Amino acid sequence: MQYRELGRTGWKISALSFGSWAIGGSWGSTKDDESIAALHRALDMGVNFFDTADVYGDGRSEKLLAKLRQERSEQFYIATKAGRRLDPHVAAGYNRANLNAFVERSLKNLETDTIDLLQLHCPPTDVYYMPEVFGILDDLVQAGKLRYYGVSVEKVEEALKAIEYPHVQSVQIIFNMFRHRPAELFFKQAKLRKMGVLARVPLASGMLTGKMKPTTTFDKDDHRAFNRHGEAFDRGETFSGVDYEIGLQAVEELKAICPPNMSLVQFALRWILMFDAVTCAIPGAKRPAQAQENFSAADLPALSDETMGRVRAIYDHYIRAQVHQRW
């Protein structure tokens, strides 16, 4: 496992870390015993950073991570998120009373006195232009409720605005073989400001596993069935905003250039780690075998310049027009 510095926290976290949306909900059926086994396998492989949110299974994911802490002696970090419990999800809801309540709920779910890293959970763009929100987070740090805070964003614009706030330590943003834009300007600015970068949705909602087909179906509670056009939340969260059929065509091209002795999953994750601005990618895993495949990618050799160029060409041909200027 590789380890990289997270912002200015002084933490060195695993370059491949655990995203726990899938073990919480909205990804079809899960079994808690399998989820816990996947979390243990991740720790066994050197993962020391776990990303969650209060809305993943309405706290289910946070509670599973609390259980992991009870069962293991190793030190690891848990990052959670707040804001998406708001209904309606509007900028005015990011006020002191609501943020305090969300933090207290997560502290209870995680069975801890202090949250390692709290991230605003893809708030409306207007929130990034509300300095009082970041002042509330500063107060929560002063009160000992948070060690550090960051943001999870939908758009590059939001990421660039967020890092203007001096105590933001990390930005979580969609970055994968289907979403290249963060590497153009944001990564440079993040490095200048020593900002942690968490690459989320690294496998494009599972499309970059190479296992999906035109006939693949999804459970009705799986966002890949109900959010393909942004019906429930931002479209970019599902298959990275890429049309399903076009995404499958691009995946076939990626399979053809996948290096030997790598699965397509490992290829996709190793591609992300080629960018030194990225602190970690956070693939999910519902079972130990998935964790094993995901986290072994950190130990694979670097990709060649030729291979990186061919990935870019596939993106330019199939994907760029669909997503590049939208997010």
C-alpha atoms as a PDB file:
ATOM      1  CA  MET A   1       0.000   0.000   0.000  1.00  0.00           C
ATOM      2  CA  GLN A   2       1.148   3.538  -0.748  1.00  0.00           C
ATOM      3  CA  TYR A   3       0.558   6.334   1.757  1.00  0.00           C
ATOM      4  CA  ARG A   4       0.141  10.000   0.925  1.00  0.00           C
ATOM      5  CA  GLU A   5      -0.205  13.136   3.048  1.00  0.00           C
ATOM      6  CA  LEU A   6      -3.739  14.423   3.543  1.00  0.00           C
ATOM      7  CA  GLY A   7      -3.630  18.177   3.207  1.00  0.00           C
ATOM      8  CA  ARG A   8      -1.976  19.867   6.151  1.00  0.00           C
ATOM      9  CA  THR A   9      -3.327  17.419   8.737  1.00  0.00           C
ATOM     10  CA  GLY A  10      -0.045  15.578   9.191  1.00  0.00           C
ATOM     11  CA  TRP A  11      -1.875  12.318   8.448  1.00  0.00           C
ATOM     12  CA  LYS A  12      -0.474   9.813   5.984  1.00  0.00           C
ATOM     13  CA  ILE A  13      -3.385   7.891   4.570  1.00  0.00           C
ATOM     14  CA  SER A  14      -3.631   4.925   2.253  1.00  0.00           C
ATOM     15  CA  ALA A  15      -3.645   5.927  -1.406  1.00  0.00           C
ATOM     16  CA  LEU A  16      -6.523   3.513  -1.884  1.00  0.00           C
ATOM     17  CA  SER A  17      -9.050   3.978   0.864  1.00  0.00           C
ATOM     18  CA  PHE A  18     -12.506   2.590   1.573  1.00  0.00           C
ATOM     19  CA  GLY A  19     -15.653   4.303   0.318  1.00  0.00           C
ATOM     20  CA  SER A  20     -18.622   3.063   2.321  1.00  0.00           C
ATOM     21  CA  TRP A  21     -21.625   4.303   0.358  1.00  0.00           C
ATOM     22  CA  ALA A  22     -22.270   0.796  -0.986  1.00  0.00           C
ATOM     23  CA  ILE A  23     -22.352  -0.871   2.444  1.00  0.00           C
ATOM     24  CA  GLY A  24     -24.840   1.703   3.651  1.00  0.00           C
ATOM     25  CA  GLY A  25     -27.434   1.690   0.919  1.00  0.00           C
ATOM     26  CA  SER A  26     -28.585   2.760  -2.558  1.00  0.00           C
ATOM     27  CA  TRP A  27     -26.445   0.074  -4.208  1.00  0.00           C
ATOM     28  CA  GLY A  28     -28.785  -2.889  -3.977  1.00  0.00           C
ATOM     29  CA  SER A  29     -28.895  -5.474  -1.209  1.00  0.00           C
ATOM     30  CA  THR A  30     -26.101  -5.762   1.350  1.00  0.00           C
ATOM     31  CA  LYS A  31     -25.377  -8.054   4.264  1.00  0.00           C
ATOM     32  CA  ASP A  32     -23.782  -6.527   7.331  1.00  0.00           C
ATOM     33  CA  ASP A  33     -21.629  -9.576   8.053  1.00  0.00           C
ATOM     34  CA  GLU A  34     -20.158  -9.399   4.539  1.00  0.00           C
ATOM     35  CA  SER A  35     -19.693  -5.646   4.862  1.00  0.00           C
ATOM     36  CA  ILE A  36     -17.792  -6.032   8.131  1.00  0.00           C
ATOM     37  CA  ALA A  37     -15.659  -8.762   6.572  1.00  0.00           C
ATOM     38  CA  ALA A  38     -14.833  -6.409   3.669  1.00  0.00           C
ATOM     39  CA  LEU A  39     -13.852  -3.672   6.149  1.00  0.00           C
ATOM     40  CA  HIS A  40     -11.571  -6.085   7.994  1.00  0.00           C
ATOM     41  CA  ARG A  41      -9.957  -7.179   4.732  1.00  0.00           C
ATOM     42  CA  ALA A  42      -9.283  -3.561   3.869  1.00  0.00           C
ATOM     43  CA  LEU A  43      -7.526  -3.013   7.203  1.00  0.00           C
ATOM     44  CA  ASP A  44      -5.530  -6.185   6.678  1.00  0.00           C
ATOM     45  CA  MET A  45      -4.295  -4.761   3.372  1.00  0.00           C
ATOM     46  CA  GLY A  46      -3.088  -1.513   4.906  1.00  0.00           C
ATOM     47  CA  VAL A  47      -6.114   0.742   4.397  1.00  0.00           C
ATOM     48  CA  ASN A  48      -6.254   3.334   7.182  1.00  0.00           C
ATOM     49  CA  PHE A  49      -8.872   5.793   5.884  1.00  0.00           C
ATOM     50  CA  PHE A  50     -12.594   5.149   5.562  1.00  0.00           C
ATOM     51  CA  ASP A  51     -15.082   7.544   3.986  1.00  0.00           C
ATOM     52  CA  THR A  52     -18.753   7.553   4.967  1.00  0.00           C
ATOM     53  CA  ALA A  53     -21.756   9.874   5.366  1.00  0.00           C
ATOM     54  CA  ASP A  54     -24.678  10.239   7.720  1.00  0.00           C
ATOM     55  CA  VAL A  55     -27.146   9.468   4.915  1.00  0.00           C
ATOM     56  CA  TYR A  56     -25.524   6.208   3.792  1.00  0.00           C
ATOM     57  CA  GLY A  57     -28.221   3.823   4.933  1.00  0.00           C
ATOM     58  CA  ASP A  58     -29.491   6.498   7.345  1.00  0.00           C
ATOM     59  CA  GLY A  59     -26.446   5.978   9.560  1.00  0.00           C
ATOM     60  CA  ARG A  60     -25.930   2.294   8.825  1.00  0.00           C
ATOM     61  CA  SER A  61     -22.507   2.829   7.295  1.00  0.00           C
ATOM     62  CA  GLU A  62     -21.310   4.985  10.211  1.00  0.00           C
ATOM     63  CA  LYS A  63     -22.452   2.328  12.677  1.00  0.00           C
ATOM     64  CA  LEU A  64     -20.589  -0.408  10.790  1.00  0.00           C
ATOM     65  CA  LEU A  65     -17.399   1.649  11.048  1.00  0.00           C
ATOM     66  CA  ALA A  66     -17.978   2.113  14.780  1.00  0.00           C
ATOM     67  CA  LYS A  67     -18.202  -1.670  15.038  1.00  0.00           C
ATOM     68  CA  LEU A  68     -14.936  -2.014  13.116  1.00  0.00           C
ATOM     69  CA  ARG A  69     -13.228   0.276  15.636  1.00  0.00           C
ATOM     70  CA  GLN A  70     -14.488  -1.906  18.455  1.00  0.00           C
ATOM     71  CA  GLU A  71     -13.149  -5.051  16.803  1.00  0.00           C
ATOM     72  CA  ARG A  72      -9.687  -3.829  15.776  1.00  0.00           C
ATOM     73  CA  SER A  73      -6.804  -2.236  17.624  1.00  0.00           C
ATOM     74  CA  GLU A  74      -5.170  -0.471  14.656  1.00  0.00           C
ATOM     75  CA  GLN A  75      -5.491   3.280  14.364  1.00  0.00           C
ATOM     76  CA  PHE A  76      -7.460   4.449  11.344  1.00  0.00           C
ATOM     77  CA  TYR A  77      -9.288   7.574  10.280  1.00  0.00           C
ATOM     78  CA  ILE A  78     -12.992   7.979   9.547  1.00  0.00           C
ATOM     79  CA  ALA A  79     -14.275  10.818   7.391  1.00  0.00           C
ATOM     80  CA  THR A  80     -18.005  11.432   7.365  1.00  0.00           C
ATOM     81  CA  LYS A  81     -20.255  13.995   5.687  1.00  0.00           C
ATOM     82  CA  ALA A  82     -23.137  16.259   6.629  1.00  0.00           C
ATOM     83  CA  GLY A  83     -25.810  18.206   4.820  1.00  0.00           C
ATOM     84  CA  ARG A  84     -27.771  15.781   2.683  1.00  0.00           C
ATOM     85  CA  ARG A  85     -30.263  15.128   5.470  1.00  0.00           C
ATOM     86  CA  LEU A  86     -31.759  18.507   4.628  1.00  0.00           C
ATOM     87  CA  ASP A  87     -35.161  18.352   2.966  1.00  0.00           C
ATOM     88  CA  PRO A  88     -35.330  20.461   0.939  1.00  0.00           C
ATOM     89  CA  HIS A  89     -31.603  20.464   0.304  1.00  0.00           C
ATOM     90  CA  VAL A  90     -31.058  24.210   0.051  1.00  0.00           C
ATOM     91  CA  ALA A  91     -28.217  26.549   0.975  1.00  0.00           C
ATOM     92  CA  ALA A  92     -30.196  28.189   3.800  1.00  0.00           C
ATOM     93  CA  GLY A  93     -30.275  24.830   5.582  1.00  0.00           C
ATOM     94  CA  TYR A  94     -26.508  24.968   6.156  1.00  0.00           C
ATOM     95  CA  ASN A  95     -26.960  26.905   9.393  1.00  0.00           C
ATOM     96  CA  ARG A  96     -25.573  26.479  12.894  1.00  0.00           C
ATOM     97  CA  ALA A  97     -28.534  24.595  14.327  1.00  0.00           C
ATOM     98  CA  ASN A  98     -28.659  22.040  11.526  1.00  0.00           C
ATOM     99  CA  LEU A  99     -24.905  21.486  11.276  1.00  0.00           C
ATOM    100  CA  ASN A 100     -24.636  21.063  15.054  1.00  0.00           C
ATOM    101  CA  ALA A 101     -27.470  18.504  14.970  1.00  0.00           C
ATOM    102  CA  PHE A 102     -25.905  16.568  12.095  1.00  0.00           C
ATOM    103  CA  VAL A 103     -22.542  16.456  13.854  1.00  0.00           C
ATOM    104  CA  GLU A 104     -24.076  15.255  17.125  1.00  0.00           C
ATOM    105  CA  ARG A 105     -25.914  12.484  15.280  1.00  0.00           C
ATOM    106  CA  SER A 106     -22.735  11.325  13.539  1.00  0.00           C
ATOM    107  CA  LEU A 107     -20.796  11.399  16.821  1.00  0.00           C
ATOM    108  CA  LYS A 108     -23.411   9.080  18.273  1.00  0.00           C
ATOM    109  CA  ASN A 109     -23.408   6.741  15.267  1.00  0.00           C
ATOM    110  CA  LEU A 110     -19.593   6.584  15.239  1.00  0.00           C
ATOM    111  CA  GLU A 111     -19.438   6.188  19.035  1.00  0.00           C
ATOM    112  CA  THR A 112     -16.774   8.844  19.373  1.00  0.00           C
ATOM    113  CA  ASP A 113     -16.269  12.276  20.915  1.00  0.00           C
ATOM    114  CA  THR A 114     -14.521  13.824  17.903  1.00  0.00           C
ATOM    115  CA  ILE A 115     -15.009  13.315  14.160  1.00  0.00           C
ATOM    116  CA  ASP A 116     -11.670  12.929  12.358  1.00  0.00           C
ATOM    117  CA  LEU A 117     -12.776  14.731   9.205  1.00  0.00           C
ATOM    118  CA  LEU A 118     -16.200  16.202   8.479  1.00  0.00           C
ATOM    119  CA  GLN A 119     -17.058  17.062   4.888  1.00  0.00           C
ATOM    120  CA  LEU A 120     -19.914  19.187   3.649  1.00  0.00           C
ATOM    121  CA  HIS A 121     -21.872  16.744   1.512  1.00  0.00           C
ATOM    122  CA  CYS A 122     -22.183  18.210  -1.984  1.00  0.00           C
ATOM    123  CA  PRO A 123     -24.028  21.328  -0.853  1.00  0.00           C
ATOM    124  CA  PRO A 124     -25.667  23.716  -3.321  1.00  0.00           C
ATOM    125  CA  THR A 125     -23.142  25.936  -5.093  1.00  0.00           C
ATOM    126  CA  ASP A 126     -24.310  28.983  -3.125  1.00  0.00           C
ATOM    127  CA  VAL A 127     -22.917  27.483   0.102  1.00  0.00           C
ATOM    128  CA  TYR A 128     -19.359  27.968  -1.162  1.00  0.00           C
ATOM    129  CA  TYR A 129     -20.069  31.695  -1.278  1.00  0.00           C
ATOM    130  CA  MET A 130     -21.284  31.763   2.352  1.00  0.00           C
ATOM    131  CA  PRO A 131     -18.239  32.278   4.611  1.00  0.00           C
ATOM    132  CA  GLU A 132     -20.433  32.019   7.688  1.00  0.00           C
ATOM    133  CA  VAL A 133     -20.868  28.285   7.002  1.00  0.00           C
ATOM    134  CA  PHE A 134     -17.120  27.731   7.219  1.00  0.00           C
ATOM    135  CA  GLY A 135     -17.082  29.865  10.377  1.00  0.00           C
ATOM    136  CA  ILE A 136     -19.519  27.388  11.946  1.00  0.00           C
ATOM    137  CA  LEU A 137     -17.138  24.549  11.057  1.00  0.00           C
ATOM    138  CA  ASP A 138     -14.260  26.484  12.635  1.00  0.00           C
ATOM    139  CA  ASP A 139     -16.318  26.759  15.817  1.00  0.00           C
ATOM    140  CA  LEU A 140     -16.971  23.006  15.802  1.00  0.00           C
ATOM    141  CA  VAL A 141     -13.218  22.408  15.572  1.00  0.00           C
ATOM    142  CA  GLN A 142     -12.651  24.793  18.484  1.00  0.00           C
ATOM    143  CA  ALA A 143     -15.311  22.928  20.484  1.00  0.00           C
ATOM    144  CA  GLY A 144     -13.479  19.634  19.930  1.00  0.00           C
ATOM    145  CA  LYS A 145     -16.287  18.093  17.877  1.00  0.00           C
ATOM    146  CA  LEU A 146     -14.154  17.938  14.713  1.00  0.00           C
ATOM    147  CA  ARG A 147     -10.440  17.503  14.146  1.00  0.00           C
ATOM    148  CA  TYR A 148     -10.566  18.823  10.602  1.00  0.00           C
ATOM    149  CA  TYR A 149     -13.068  19.581   7.892  1.00  0.00           C
ATOM    150  CA  GLY A 150     -13.323  19.544   4.110  1.00  0.00           C
ATOM    151  CA  VAL A 151     -15.892  19.413   1.338  1.00  0.00           C
ATOM    152  CA  SER A 152     -17.332  16.976  -1.138  1.00  0.00           C
ATOM    153  CA  VAL A 153     -18.226  18.694  -4.403  1.00  0.00           C
ATOM    154  CA  GLU A 154     -20.017  18.089  -7.675  1.00  0.00           C
ATOM    155  CA  LYS A 155     -18.233  20.695  -9.799  1.00  0.00           C
ATOM    156  CA  VAL A 156     -14.685  21.912 -10.369  1.00  0.00           C
ATOM    157  CA  GLU A 157     -16.000  25.456  -9.826  1.00  0.00           C
ATOM    158  CA  GLU A 158     -17.063  24.487  -6.300  1.00  0.00           C
ATOM    159  CA  ALA A 159     -13.717  22.865  -5.567  1.00  0.00           C
ATOM    160  CA  LEU A 160     -11.808  25.964  -6.636  1.00  0.00           C
ATOM    161  CA  LYS A 161     -14.001  28.171  -4.450  1.00  0.00           C
ATOM    162  CA  ALA A 162     -13.805  25.848  -1.427  1.00  0.00           C
ATOM    163  CA  ILE A 163     -10.014  25.875  -1.264  1.00  0.00           C
ATOM    164  CA  GLU A 164     -10.042  29.635  -0.768  1.00  0.00           C
ATOM    165  CA  TYR A 165     -11.175  29.025   2.814  1.00  0.00           C
ATOM    166  CA  PRO A 166      -8.022  28.696   4.935  1.00  0.00           C
ATOM    167  CA  HIS A 167      -9.080  25.774   7.127  1.00  0.00           C
ATOM    168  CA  VAL A 168     -10.501  23.500   4.442  1.00  0.00           C
ATOM    169  CA  GLN A 169      -8.175  20.491   4.461  1.00  0.00           C
ATOM    170  CA  SER A 170      -9.622  18.296   1.739  1.00  0.00           C
ATOM    171  CA  VAL A 171     -11.789  18.248  -1.353  1.00  0.00           C
ATOM    172  CA  GLN A 172     -13.601  15.139  -2.457  1.00  0.00           C
ATOM    173  CA  ILE A 173     -14.386  15.215  -6.175  1.00  0.00           C
ATOM    174  CA  ILE A 174     -15.381  12.748  -8.886  1.00  0.00           C
ATOM    175  CA  PHE A 175     -12.239  11.795 -10.776  1.00  0.00           C
ATOM    176  CA  ASN A 176     -11.863   8.668 -12.874  1.00  0.00           C
ATOM    177  CA  MET A 177     -11.259   7.473 -16.438  1.00  0.00           C
ATOM    178  CA  PHE A 178     -14.612   9.051 -17.370  1.00  0.00           C
ATOM    179  CA  ARG A 179     -14.051  12.362 -15.567  1.00  0.00           C
ATOM    180  CA  HIS A 180     -10.704  14.008 -16.418  1.00  0.00           C
ATOM    181  CA  ARG A 181     -11.440  17.694 -15.917  1.00  0.00           C
ATOM    182  CA  PRO A 182     -10.201  18.052 -12.291  1.00  0.00           C
ATOM    183  CA  ALA A 183      -6.662  17.322 -13.522  1.00  0.00           C
ATOM    184  CA  GLU A 184      -6.591  20.421 -15.735  1.00  0.00           C
ATOM    185  CA  LEU A 185      -6.688  23.320 -13.255  1.00  0.00           C
ATOM    186  CA  PHE A 186      -7.951  22.145  -9.891  1.00  0.00           C
ATOM    187  CA  PHE A 187      -5.139  19.681  -9.200  1.00  0.00           C
ATOM    188  CA  LYS A 188      -2.519  22.381  -9.737  1.00  0.00           C
ATOM    189  CA  GLN A 189      -4.296  24.726  -7.342  1.00  0.00           C
ATOM    190  CA  ALA A 190      -4.802  21.959  -4.786  1.00  0.00           C
ATOM    191  CA  LYS A 191      -1.078  21.183  -4.781  1.00  0.00           C
ATOM    192  CA  LEU A 192      -0.188  24.861  -4.360  1.00  0.00           C
ATOM    193  CA  ARG A 193      -2.422  25.052  -1.300  1.00  0.00           C
ATOM    194  CA  LYS A 194      -1.388  21.628   0.069  1.00  0.00           C
ATOM    195  CA  MET A 195      -4.949  20.408  -0.174  1.00  0.00           C
ATOM    196  CA  GLY A 196      -5.992  16.801   0.279  1.00  0.00           C
ATOM    197  CA  VAL A 197      -7.814  15.400  -2.763  1.00  0.00           C
ATOM    198  CA  LEU A 198     -10.129  12.411  -2.440  1.00  0.00           C
ATOM    199  CA  ALA A 199     -11.082  10.879  -5.787  1.00  0.00           C
ATOM    200  CA  ARG A 200     -14.623   9.628  -5.393  1.00  0.00           C
ATOM    201  CA  VAL A 201     -16.719   7.420  -7.704  1.00  0.00           C
ATOM    202  CA  PRO A 202     -13.394   5.997  -8.962  1.00  0.00           C
ATOM    203  CA  LEU A 203     -15.039   3.121 -10.842  1.00  0.00           C
ATOM    204  CA  ALA A 204     -17.873   5.197 -12.350  1.00  0.00           C
ATOM    205  CA  SER A 205     -20.560   3.427 -10.309  1.00  0.00           C
ATOM    206  CA  GLY A 206     -19.130   0.043 -11.231  1.00  0.00           C
ATOM    207  CA  MET A 207     -19.074   0.607 -14.991  1.00  0.00           C
ATOM    208  CA  LEU A 208     -15.271   0.544 -14.941  1.00  0.00           C
ATOM    209  CA  THR A 209     -15.312  -2.954 -13.477  1.00  0.00           C
ATOM    210  CA  GLY A 210     -16.056  -4.169 -17.005  1.00  0.00           C
ATOM    211  CA  LYS A 211     -18.784  -6.465 -15.697  1.00  0.00           C
ATOM    212  CA  MET A 212     -21.831  -4.593 -16.979  1.00  0.00           C
ATOM    213  CA  LYS A 213     -23.692  -5.362 -20.180  1.00  0.00           C
ATOM    214  CA  PRO A 214     -26.578  -3.770 -22.108  1.00  0.00           C
ATOM    215  CA  THR A 215     -28.864  -6.304 -20.420  1.00  0.00           C
ATOM    216  CA  THR A 216     -27.609  -5.732 -16.856  1.00  0.00           C
ATOM    217  CA  THR A 217     -30.403  -4.900 -14.425  1.00  0.00           C
ATOM    218  CA  PHE A 218     -30.234  -3.255 -10.993  1.00  0.00           C
ATOM    219  CA  ASP A 219     -32.356  -3.535  -7.867  1.00  0.00           C
ATOM    220  CA  LYS A 220     -35.050  -0.889  -7.565  1.00  0.00           C
ATOM    221  CA  ASP A 221     -33.278   0.620  -4.518  1.00  0.00           C
ATOM    222  CA  ASP A 222     -30.009   0.925  -6.470  1.00  0.00           C
ATOM    223  CA  HIS A 223     -29.271   4.470  -7.709  1.00  0.00           C
ATOM    224  CA  ARG A 224     -28.027   2.965 -10.971  1.00  0.00           C
ATOM    225  CA  ALA A 225     -31.664   2.068 -11.642  1.00  0.00           C
ATOM    226  CA  PHE A 226     -33.405   5.222 -10.398  1.00  0.00           C
ATOM    227  CA  ASN A 227     -30.939   8.106 -10.914  1.00  0.00           C
ATOM    228  CA  ARG A 228     -29.565   7.743 -14.439  1.00  0.00           C
ATOM    229  CA  HIS A 229     -30.933  11.129 -15.440  1.00  0.00           C
ATOM    230  CA  GLY A 230     -30.625  12.857 -12.070  1.00  0.00           C
ATOM    231  CA  GLU A 231     -34.099  11.989 -10.827  1.00  0.00           C
ATOM    232  CA  ALA A 232     -33.019  11.736  -7.163  1.00  0.00           C
ATOM    233  CA  PHE A 233     -29.732  13.667  -6.955  1.00  0.00           C
ATOM    234  CA  ASP A 234     -27.037  14.981  -9.266  1.00  0.00           C
ATOM    235  CA  ARG A 235     -26.812  12.921 -12.444  1.00  0.00           C
ATOM    236  CA  GLY A 236     -23.025  12.978 -12.229  1.00  0.00           C
ATOM    237  CA  GLU A 237     -23.172  10.638  -9.227  1.00  0.00           C
ATOM    238  CA  THR A 238     -24.454   7.772 -11.407  1.00  0.00           C
ATOM    239  CA  PHE A 239     -22.029   6.365 -13.999  1.00  0.00           C
ATOM    240  CA  SER A 240     -20.204   9.719 -13.662  1.00  0.00           C
ATOM    241  CA  GLY A 241     -22.949  11.304 -15.754  1.00  0.00           C
ATOM    242  CA  VAL A 242     -22.110   9.199 -18.808  1.00  0.00           C
ATOM    243  CA  ASP A 243     -24.848   7.656 -20.943  1.00  0.00           C
ATOM    244  CA  TYR A 244     -24.970   3.953 -20.104  1.00  0.00           C
ATOM    245  CA  GLU A 245     -24.671   2.603 -23.653  1.00  0.00           C
ATOM    246  CA  ILE A 246     -21.843   4.972 -24.588  1.00  0.00           C
ATOM    247  CA  GLY A 247     -20.040   4.131 -21.371  1.00  0.00           C
ATOM    248  CA  LEU A 248     -20.153   0.443 -22.251  1.00  0.00           C
ATOM    249  CA  GLN A 249     -18.583   1.180 -25.634  1.00  0.00           C
ATOM    250  CA  ALA A 250     -15.754   3.095 -23.972  1.00  0.00           C
ATOM    251  CA  VAL A 251     -15.219   0.261 -21.493  1.00  0.00           C
ATOM    252  CA  GLU A 252     -14.679  -2.196 -24.350  1.00  0.00           C
ATOM    253  CA  GLU A 253     -11.940   0.082 -25.695  1.00  0.00           C
ATOM    254  CA  LEU A 254     -10.356   0.304 -22.230  1.00  0.00           C
ATOM    255  CA  LYS A 255     -10.377  -3.483 -21.921  1.00  0.00           C
ATOM    256  CA  ALA A 256      -8.349  -3.668 -25.119  1.00  0.00           C
ATOM    257  CA  ILE A 257      -5.541  -1.541 -23.658  1.00  0.00           C
ATOM    258  CA  CYS A 258      -5.627  -2.919 -20.112  1.00  0.00           C
ATOM    259  CA  PRO A 259      -2.081  -3.993 -19.170  1.00  0.00           C
ATOM    260  CA  PRO A 260      -1.468  -7.699 -18.639  1.00  0.00           C
ATOM    261  CA  ASN A 261      -1.810  -8.996 -15.084  1.00  0.00           C
ATOM    262  CA  MET A 262      -4.267  -6.225 -14.192  1.00  0.00           C
ATOM    263  CA  SER A 263      -8.027  -6.452 -13.995  1.00  0.00           C
ATOM    264  CA  LEU A 264      -9.952  -3.518 -15.441  1.00  0.00           C
ATOM    265  CA  VAL A 265     -10.783  -2.486 -11.849  1.00  0.00           C
ATOM    266  CA  GLN A 266      -7.101  -2.361 -10.977  1.00  0.00           C
ATOM    267  CA  PHE A 267      -6.286  -0.525 -14.193  1.00  0.00           C
ATOM    268  CA  ALA A 268      -8.888   2.148 -13.397  1.00  0.00           C
ATOM    269  CA  LEU A 269      -7.622   2.599  -9.841  1.00  0.00           C
ATOM    270  CA  ARG A 270      -3.940   2.590 -10.830  1.00  0.00           C
ATOM    271  CA  TRP A 271      -4.731   5.253 -13.436  1.00  0.00           C
ATOM    272  CA  ILE A 272      -6.038   7.569 -10.700  1.00  0.00           C
ATOM    273  CA  LEU A 273      -2.914   7.054  -8.604  1.00  0.00           C
ATOM    274  CA  MET A 274      -0.747   8.256 -11.492  1.00  0.00           C
ATOM    275  CA  PHE A 275      -1.808  11.798 -10.544  1.00  0.00           C
ATOM    276  CA  ASP A 276       0.302  12.994  -7.628  1.00  0.00           C
ATOM    277  CA  ALA A 277      -2.243  15.638  -6.623  1.00  0.00           C
ATOM    278  CA  VAL A 278      -4.593  12.823  -5.578  1.00  0.00           C
ATOM    279  CA  THR A 279      -4.268  11.835  -1.938  1.00  0.00           C
ATOM    280  CA  CYS A 280      -6.463   8.774  -2.249  1.00  0.00           C
ATOM    281  CA  ALA A 281      -9.157   7.115  -4.305  1.00  0.00           C
ATOM    282  CA  ILE A 282     -12.091   5.644  -2.400  1.00  0.00           C
ATOM    283  CA  PRO A 283     -13.560   2.582  -4.128  1.00  0.00           C
ATOM    284  CA  GLY A 284     -16.371   0.782  -2.371  1.00  0.00           C
ATOM    285  CA  ALA A 285     -16.550  -2.906  -1.544  1.00  0.00           C
ATOM    286  CA  LYS A 286     -19.474  -4.958  -0.296  1.00  0.00           C
ATOM    287  CA  ARG A 287     -17.512  -8.209  -0.009  1.00  0.00           C
ATOM    288  CA  PRO A 288     -13.952  -9.217   0.974  1.00  0.00           C
ATOM    289  CA  ALA A 289     -13.107 -10.370  -2.552  1.00  0.00           C
ATOM    290  CA  GLN A 290     -13.928  -6.919  -3.904  1.00  0.00           C
ATOM    291  CA  ALA A 291     -11.752  -5.319  -1.236  1.00  0.00           C
ATOM    292  CA  GLN A 292      -8.911  -7.659  -2.149  1.00  0.00           C
ATOM    293  CA  GLU A 293      -9.072  -6.753  -5.834  1.00  0.00           C
ATOM    294  CA  ASN A 294      -9.441  -3.032  -5.196  1.00  0.00           C
ATOM    295  CA  PHE A 295      -6.702  -2.457  -2.681  1.00  0.00           C
ATOM    296  CA  SER A 296      -4.073  -4.642  -4.326  1.00  0.00           C
ATOM    297  CA  ALA A 297      -4.033  -2.098  -7.189  1.00  0.00           C
ATOM    298  CA  ALA A 298      -1.833   0.218  -5.102  1.00  0.00           C
ATOM    299  CA  ASP A 299       1.039  -2.259  -5.393  1.00  0.00           C
ATOM    300  CA  LEU A 300       0.921  -2.557  -9.183  1.00  0.00           C
ATOM    301  CA  PRO A 301       3.548  -0.916 -11.432  1.00  0.00           C
ATOM    302  CA  ALA A 302       3.084   2.552 -12.861  1.00  0.00           C
ATOM    303  CA  LEU A 303       1.315   2.899 -16.204  1.00  0.00           C
ATOM    304  CA  SER A 304       3.334   3.884 -19.272  1.00  0.00           C
ATOM    305  CA  ASP A 305       3.014   7.250 -20.977  1.00  0.00           C
ATOM    306  CA  GLU A 306       1.650   5.418 -24.008  1.00  0.00           C
ATOM    307  CA  THR A 307      -1.104   3.794 -21.960  1.00  0.00           C
ATOM    308  CA  MET A 308      -2.013   7.094 -20.284  1.00  0.00           C
ATOM    309  CA  GLY A 309      -2.255   8.688 -23.725  1.00  0.00           C
ATOM    310  CA  ARG A 310      -4.536   5.953 -25.004  1.00  0.00           C
ATOM    311  CA  VAL A 311      -6.860   6.371 -22.023  1.00  0.00           C
ATOM    312  CA  ARG A 312      -7.037  10.079 -22.828  1.00  0.00           C
ATOM    313  CA  ALA A 313      -7.842   9.316 -26.474  1.00  0.00           C
ATOM    314  CA  ILE A 314     -10.727   7.042 -25.453  1.00  0.00           C
ATOM    315  CA  TYR A 315     -12.038   9.753 -23.148  1.00  0.00           C
ATOM    316  CA  ASP A 316     -11.794  12.355 -25.894  1.00  0.00           C
ATOM    317  CA  HIS A 317     -13.624  10.154 -28.393  1.00  0.00           C
ATOM    318  CA  TYR A 318     -16.452   8.760 -26.284  1.00  0.00           C
ATOM    319  CA  ILE A 319     -16.839  10.757 -23.085  1.00  0.00           C
ATOM    320  CA  ARG A 320     -15.566  14.343 -23.237  1.00  0.00           C
ATOM    321  CA  ALA A 321     -18.561  15.868 -25.005  1.00  0.00           C
ATOM    322  CA  GLN A 322     -20.957  14.395 -22.455  1.00  0.00           C
ATOM    323  CA  VAL A 323     -19.314  15.438 -19.202  1.00  0.00           C
ATOM    324  CA  HIS A 324     -16.309  17.708 -19.517  1.00  0.00           C
ATOM    325  CA  GLN A 325     -17.956  21.127 -19.282  1.00  0.00           C
ATOM    326  CA  ARG A 326     -20.895  20.010 -17.088  1.00  0.00           C
ATOM    327  CA  TRP A 327     -18.915  19.222 -13.962  1.00  0.00           C
END
